[in-house]
Amino acid sequence: MRTLRRYLPQLTLLPSLILVAVTVYGFIALTVVLSLTRSKMLPRFDRWEGFSNYAKVWNHPRWEVAMENFAIFGVLYIGGTMLIGLMLAILIDQRVRAEGALRTIYLYPMALSFIVTGVAWQWIMAPDLGLERAFQIWGWESFRFDWIKQSDMAIYCVVIAGVWQASGFVMALFLAALRGINPEILSAARMDGASAPRIYWHVIIPALRPAFLTAIVVQGHLAIKSYDLVVALTRGGPGYSTELPSTFMYEFTFSRNEMALGASSAVMMLILVTVLIVPYLYSELRNDR
């Protein structure tokens, strides 16, 4: 009986651990194995391709476009959400009136799915239905906003929609961090004659470092796996001008029956996530020490 009580917590967690091991790490291992085969529509483990699938992916023109778009989307999406989130957090931290209502308004987009966000912004950016049409009706007949139909500008439409949805979440992270700063440090800085910009630049923003790191990791992870937003907003077009690694992986795995190539691209996405998360884990472990 004592032995049972001693190992009861481990036994309680065992089903969850087994489920995670199979559904997460097991399928990761399966994806890696598939990337080394010649699988097409169905998995095939009797013919091995080795690492040549990775070379095929990197030499594919659509993957090149996907990585270029990921660089643009990742930098602007993470940078935009960080900048807007920080500004909103600083604004609300001034103890403005109706703070609860403002927080709700800014956080509301995060409650929507990326599919809803994509469809809504598709309507807004549609030249014959959204902003362009509205401004023309209001009298500005020369106004043009047809980025969503331009192959070189459509990716920025995805950025705008993504930043709109995720900025409120980053605001919440920064606001919580701002409220956690010791007020005595700020009082001491004011007594020393520091101006408000200096206090923010030299005291408050450095104190937000953990929040910055968390926001970068979370938003970077969302940027890497962004799929539904692109599909709902542009469907990867015009052509494949808004292709991202996630849409490339889905297209080749399920639409073109190139499972091995799709698995190879999925493994490279996993590597991107790992590169993003490892520095965060290292920082956290170093702080714990």
Protein backbone atom coordinates (compact mmCIF):
# COMPACT_ATOMS: atom_id res chain seq x y z
CA MET A 1 0.00 0.00 0.00
CA ARG A 2 2.84 2.37 0.83
CA THR A 3 4.49 1.54 -2.48
CA LEU A 4 1.27 2.36 -4.34
CA ARG A 5 0.95 5.71 -2.57
CA ARG A 6 4.57 6.48 -3.29
CA TYR A 7 4.22 5.94 -7.04
CA LEU A 8 0.62 7.14 -7.38
CA PRO A 9 1.57 10.54 -8.93
CA GLN A 10 3.76 8.80 -11.52
CA LEU A 11 1.01 6.30 -12.30
CA THR A 12 -1.50 9.13 -12.68
CA LEU A 13 0.73 10.93 -15.17
CA LEU A 14 1.73 7.79 -17.06
CA PRO A 15 -1.22 7.71 -19.54
CA SER A 16 -0.61 11.36 -20.46
CA LEU A 17 3.10 10.76 -20.88
CA ILE A 18 2.46 7.76 -23.11
CA LEU A 19 -0.05 9.74 -25.19
CA VAL A 20 2.40 12.63 -25.64
CA ALA A 21 5.25 10.25 -26.46
CA VAL A 22 3.20 8.54 -29.18
CA THR A 23 1.24 11.46 -30.68
CA VAL A 24 4.02 14.07 -30.53
CA TYR A 25 7.47 12.52 -30.44
CA GLY A 26 6.37 9.33 -32.18
CA PHE A 27 4.96 11.23 -35.16
CA ILE A 28 8.01 13.50 -35.23
CA ALA A 29 10.17 10.39 -35.57
CA LEU A 30 7.82 9.03 -38.25
CA THR A 31 8.07 12.30 -40.20
CA VAL A 32 11.87 12.16 -40.09
CA VAL A 33 11.81 8.57 -41.37
CA LEU A 34 9.36 9.45 -44.16
CA SER A 35 11.62 12.29 -45.27
CA LEU A 36 14.31 9.70 -46.06
CA THR A 37 12.05 7.49 -48.19
CA ARG A 38 10.46 7.67 -51.64
CA SER A 39 6.93 7.88 -50.29
CA LYS A 40 4.33 9.35 -52.60
CA MET A 41 0.62 9.05 -51.83
CA LEU A 42 1.18 6.47 -49.08
CA PRO A 43 4.19 5.76 -46.85
CA ARG A 44 6.75 3.39 -48.31
CA PHE A 45 9.54 2.01 -46.19
CA ASP A 46 10.98 -0.37 -48.76
CA ARG A 47 12.66 2.33 -50.87
CA TRP A 48 15.04 4.82 -49.31
CA GLU A 49 16.03 8.14 -50.81
CA GLY A 50 18.33 9.41 -48.10
CA PHE A 51 18.92 13.15 -47.75
CA SER A 52 18.32 13.88 -51.43
CA ASN A 53 14.73 14.88 -50.59
CA TYR A 54 16.09 17.80 -48.62
CA ALA A 55 18.18 18.86 -51.61
CA LYS A 56 15.08 18.65 -53.82
CA VAL A 57 13.16 20.88 -51.42
CA TRP A 58 15.89 23.50 -51.25
CA ASN A 59 16.26 23.50 -55.03
CA HIS A 60 12.50 23.85 -55.60
CA PRO A 61 11.46 27.35 -56.73
CA ARG A 62 8.34 27.30 -54.54
CA TRP A 63 10.42 26.57 -51.44
CA GLU A 64 12.67 29.50 -52.32
CA VAL A 65 9.60 31.75 -52.49
CA ALA A 66 8.29 30.24 -49.25
CA MET A 67 11.52 31.02 -47.38
CA GLU A 68 11.69 34.56 -48.77
CA ASN A 69 8.09 35.13 -47.69
CA PHE A 70 8.80 33.60 -44.31
CA ALA A 71 11.69 36.02 -43.80
CA ILE A 72 9.47 38.98 -44.70
CA PHE A 73 6.47 37.74 -42.75
CA GLY A 74 8.49 36.65 -39.71
CA VAL A 75 10.41 39.92 -39.32
CA LEU A 76 7.44 42.21 -39.91
CA TYR A 77 4.97 40.07 -37.97
CA ILE A 78 7.16 39.70 -34.88
CA GLY A 79 8.44 43.28 -35.07
CA GLY A 80 4.98 44.73 -35.67
CA THR A 81 3.28 42.84 -32.85
CA MET A 82 6.13 43.71 -30.46
CA LEU A 83 6.05 47.42 -31.30
CA ILE A 84 2.26 47.80 -31.25
CA GLY A 85 1.90 45.55 -28.20
CA LEU A 86 4.48 47.54 -26.25
CA MET A 87 2.88 50.87 -27.19
CA LEU A 88 -0.58 49.64 -26.17
CA ALA A 89 0.76 48.23 -22.90
CA ILE A 90 2.48 51.53 -22.04
CA LEU A 91 -0.73 53.40 -22.88
CA ILE A 92 -2.93 51.22 -20.69
CA ASP A 93 -0.35 51.23 -17.89
CA GLN A 94 -1.05 54.96 -17.44
CA ARG A 95 -4.22 53.97 -15.54
CA VAL A 96 -6.47 55.41 -18.22
CA ARG A 97 -10.22 55.41 -17.86
CA ALA A 98 -12.12 52.36 -19.10
CA GLU A 99 -8.95 50.30 -18.88
CA GLY A 100 -10.90 47.05 -18.69
CA ALA A 101 -12.87 47.91 -21.82
CA LEU A 102 -9.70 48.82 -23.72
CA ARG A 103 -7.99 45.59 -22.74
CA THR A 104 -11.01 43.64 -23.94
CA ILE A 105 -11.09 45.51 -27.26
CA TYR A 106 -7.38 44.96 -27.89
CA LEU A 107 -7.50 41.31 -26.86
CA TYR A 108 -10.67 40.48 -28.80
CA PRO A 109 -8.92 39.71 -32.15
CA MET A 110 -6.89 36.99 -30.42
CA ALA A 111 -10.16 35.21 -29.59
CA LEU A 112 -10.82 34.79 -33.31
CA SER A 113 -9.40 31.95 -35.32
CA PHE A 114 -6.95 32.72 -38.12
CA ILE A 115 -9.59 31.49 -40.57
CA VAL A 116 -12.06 34.16 -39.42
CA THR A 117 -9.31 36.78 -39.46
CA GLY A 118 -8.24 35.78 -42.96
CA VAL A 119 -11.78 35.87 -44.37
CA ALA A 120 -12.54 39.22 -42.71
CA TRP A 121 -9.37 40.85 -44.03
CA GLN A 122 -9.97 39.33 -47.46
CA TRP A 123 -13.21 41.30 -47.58
CA ILE A 124 -11.51 44.45 -46.27
CA MET A 125 -8.70 44.27 -48.83
CA ALA A 126 -10.81 43.18 -51.80
CA PRO A 127 -10.65 46.08 -54.32
CA ASP A 128 -14.28 45.71 -55.38
CA LEU A 129 -15.65 45.31 -51.85
CA GLY A 130 -13.37 46.69 -49.12
CA LEU A 131 -11.32 49.81 -48.44
CA GLU A 132 -10.73 50.76 -52.07
CA ARG A 133 -14.41 50.63 -52.89
CA ALA A 134 -15.37 52.48 -49.70
CA PHE A 135 -12.99 55.40 -50.34
CA GLN A 136 -14.15 55.66 -53.94
CA ILE A 137 -17.79 55.84 -52.83
CA TRP A 138 -16.82 58.57 -50.35
CA GLY A 139 -15.40 60.66 -53.21
CA TRP A 140 -11.74 59.66 -53.44
CA GLU A 141 -12.10 58.05 -56.85
CA SER A 142 -8.34 57.80 -57.48
CA PHE A 143 -7.73 55.78 -54.30
CA ARG A 144 -6.18 52.36 -54.96
CA PHE A 145 -5.52 49.54 -52.51
CA ASP A 146 -5.21 46.28 -54.44
CA TRP A 147 -2.18 44.75 -52.72
CA ILE A 148 -4.00 41.45 -52.34
CA LYS A 149 -3.99 41.08 -56.15
CA GLN A 150 -0.33 42.03 -56.61
CA SER A 151 2.14 39.17 -56.40
CA ASP A 152 4.88 41.37 -54.93
CA MET A 153 2.64 43.00 -52.29
CA ALA A 154 0.22 40.24 -51.26
CA ILE A 155 2.52 38.94 -48.50
CA TYR A 156 2.20 42.31 -46.77
CA CYS A 157 -1.55 41.77 -46.62
CA VAL A 158 -0.85 38.60 -44.64
CA VAL A 159 1.45 40.62 -42.35
CA ILE A 160 -1.24 43.24 -41.71
CA ALA A 161 -3.87 40.63 -40.82
CA GLY A 162 -1.47 38.70 -38.58
CA VAL A 163 -0.27 41.80 -36.72
CA TRP A 164 -3.86 42.94 -36.19
CA GLN A 165 -4.79 39.66 -34.57
CA ALA A 166 -1.75 39.03 -32.37
CA SER A 167 -0.84 42.51 -31.10
CA GLY A 168 -3.35 42.30 -28.24
CA PHE A 169 -1.76 39.11 -26.93
CA VAL A 170 1.68 40.74 -26.89
CA MET A 171 0.12 43.76 -25.18
CA ALA A 172 -1.15 41.50 -22.39
CA LEU A 173 2.33 40.02 -21.90
CA PHE A 174 3.97 43.44 -21.70
CA LEU A 175 1.23 44.87 -19.48
CA ALA A 176 1.66 42.05 -16.97
CA ALA A 177 5.41 42.62 -17.00
CA LEU A 178 4.98 46.39 -16.53
CA ARG A 179 2.71 45.86 -13.54
CA GLY A 180 5.35 43.55 -12.05
CA ILE A 181 8.15 46.15 -12.02
CA ASN A 182 9.06 47.32 -8.52
CA PRO A 183 7.65 50.87 -8.16
CA GLU A 184 10.46 51.79 -5.77
CA ILE A 185 12.95 51.51 -8.65
CA LEU A 186 10.89 53.94 -10.71
CA SER A 187 10.52 56.33 -7.76
CA ALA A 188 14.29 56.29 -7.22
CA ALA A 189 14.88 57.08 -10.90
CA ARG A 190 12.47 60.03 -10.73
CA MET A 191 14.14 61.33 -7.57
CA ASP A 192 17.48 61.25 -9.42
CA GLY A 193 15.98 63.58 -12.02
CA ALA A 194 15.57 61.07 -14.84
CA SER A 195 13.02 62.09 -17.48
CA ALA A 196 10.20 59.78 -18.54
CA PRO A 197 11.90 58.75 -21.83
CA ARG A 198 15.12 57.91 -19.95
CA ILE A 199 13.20 55.90 -17.36
CA TYR A 200 11.52 53.88 -20.07
CA TRP A 201 14.69 53.38 -22.11
CA HIS A 202 17.12 52.62 -19.28
CA VAL A 203 14.90 51.10 -16.57
CA ILE A 204 11.53 49.83 -17.78
CA ILE A 205 12.40 48.32 -21.17
CA PRO A 206 15.46 46.40 -19.80
CA ALA A 207 13.20 45.06 -17.05
CA LEU A 208 10.86 43.72 -19.75
CA ARG A 209 13.55 41.43 -21.18
CA PRO A 210 11.82 38.17 -20.11
CA ALA A 211 8.55 39.39 -21.64
CA PHE A 212 10.36 40.32 -24.88
CA LEU A 213 11.94 36.88 -25.05
CA THR A 214 8.64 35.11 -24.40
CA ALA A 215 6.84 37.21 -27.01
CA ILE A 216 9.53 36.53 -29.62
CA VAL A 217 9.35 32.78 -29.03
CA VAL A 218 5.55 32.61 -29.09
CA GLN A 219 5.14 34.87 -32.11
CA GLY A 220 8.01 33.19 -33.94
CA HIS A 221 6.36 29.82 -33.40
CA LEU A 222 3.07 31.18 -34.78
CA ALA A 223 4.90 32.67 -37.78
CA ILE A 224 6.55 29.35 -38.63
CA LYS A 225 3.34 27.34 -38.54
CA SER A 226 1.07 29.97 -40.12
CA TYR A 227 -1.15 28.14 -42.57
CA ASP A 228 -4.82 28.88 -42.04
CA LEU A 229 -4.32 32.66 -42.22
CA VAL A 230 -2.64 32.41 -45.62
CA VAL A 231 -5.19 29.93 -46.96
CA ALA A 232 -8.16 32.02 -45.82
CA LEU A 233 -6.71 35.35 -46.97
CA THR A 234 -4.86 34.68 -50.23
CA ARG A 235 -4.99 30.89 -50.79
CA GLY A 236 -1.26 31.17 -51.36
CA GLY A 237 -1.73 33.45 -54.36
CA PRO A 238 -1.64 35.22 -56.64
CA GLY A 239 -0.03 32.11 -58.09
CA TYR A 240 2.15 30.98 -55.21
CA SER A 241 3.45 34.45 -54.31
CA THR A 242 2.33 34.13 -50.67
CA GLU A 243 3.66 30.60 -50.20
CA LEU A 244 5.00 29.86 -46.72
CA PRO A 245 6.79 26.72 -45.47
CA SER A 246 3.56 25.47 -43.90
CA THR A 247 1.54 25.85 -47.11
CA PHE A 248 4.38 24.25 -49.09
CA MET A 249 4.34 21.27 -46.74
CA TYR A 250 0.56 20.83 -46.98
CA GLU A 251 0.47 21.29 -50.76
CA PHE A 252 3.13 18.68 -51.51
CA THR A 253 1.98 16.19 -48.88
CA PHE A 254 -1.77 16.15 -49.46
CA SER A 255 -2.42 17.80 -52.83
CA ARG A 256 0.51 16.65 -54.95
CA ASN A 257 1.03 13.27 -53.25
CA GLU A 258 4.72 13.97 -52.61
CA MET A 259 4.75 12.76 -49.03
CA ALA A 260 8.54 12.48 -48.78
CA LEU A 261 9.06 16.07 -49.94
CA GLY A 262 6.35 17.27 -47.60
CA ALA A 263 7.93 15.41 -44.70
CA SER A 264 11.31 16.93 -45.55
CA SER A 265 9.86 20.43 -45.46
CA ALA A 266 8.13 19.60 -42.16
CA VAL A 267 11.44 18.52 -40.65
CA MET A 268 13.01 21.80 -41.72
CA MET A 269 10.14 23.67 -40.08
CA LEU A 270 10.85 21.69 -36.92
CA ILE A 271 14.49 22.77 -37.14
CA LEU A 272 13.36 26.39 -37.39
CA VAL A 273 11.24 25.99 -34.26
CA THR A 274 14.16 24.34 -32.46
CA VAL A 275 16.52 27.17 -33.42
CA LEU A 276 13.99 29.60 -31.97
CA ILE A 277 13.25 27.74 -28.74
CA VAL A 278 16.74 26.55 -27.72
CA PRO A 279 18.06 30.06 -26.92
CA TYR A 280 14.92 30.70 -24.86
CA LEU A 281 15.39 27.49 -22.88
CA TYR A 282 19.08 28.27 -22.39
CA SER A 283 18.21 31.72 -21.07
CA GLU A 284 15.63 30.32 -18.66
CA LEU A 285 17.97 27.64 -17.34
CA ARG A 286 20.74 30.19 -16.87
CA ASN A 287 18.38 32.47 -14.92
CA ASP A 288 17.31 29.56 -12.70
CA ARG A 289 20.95 28.86 -11.86
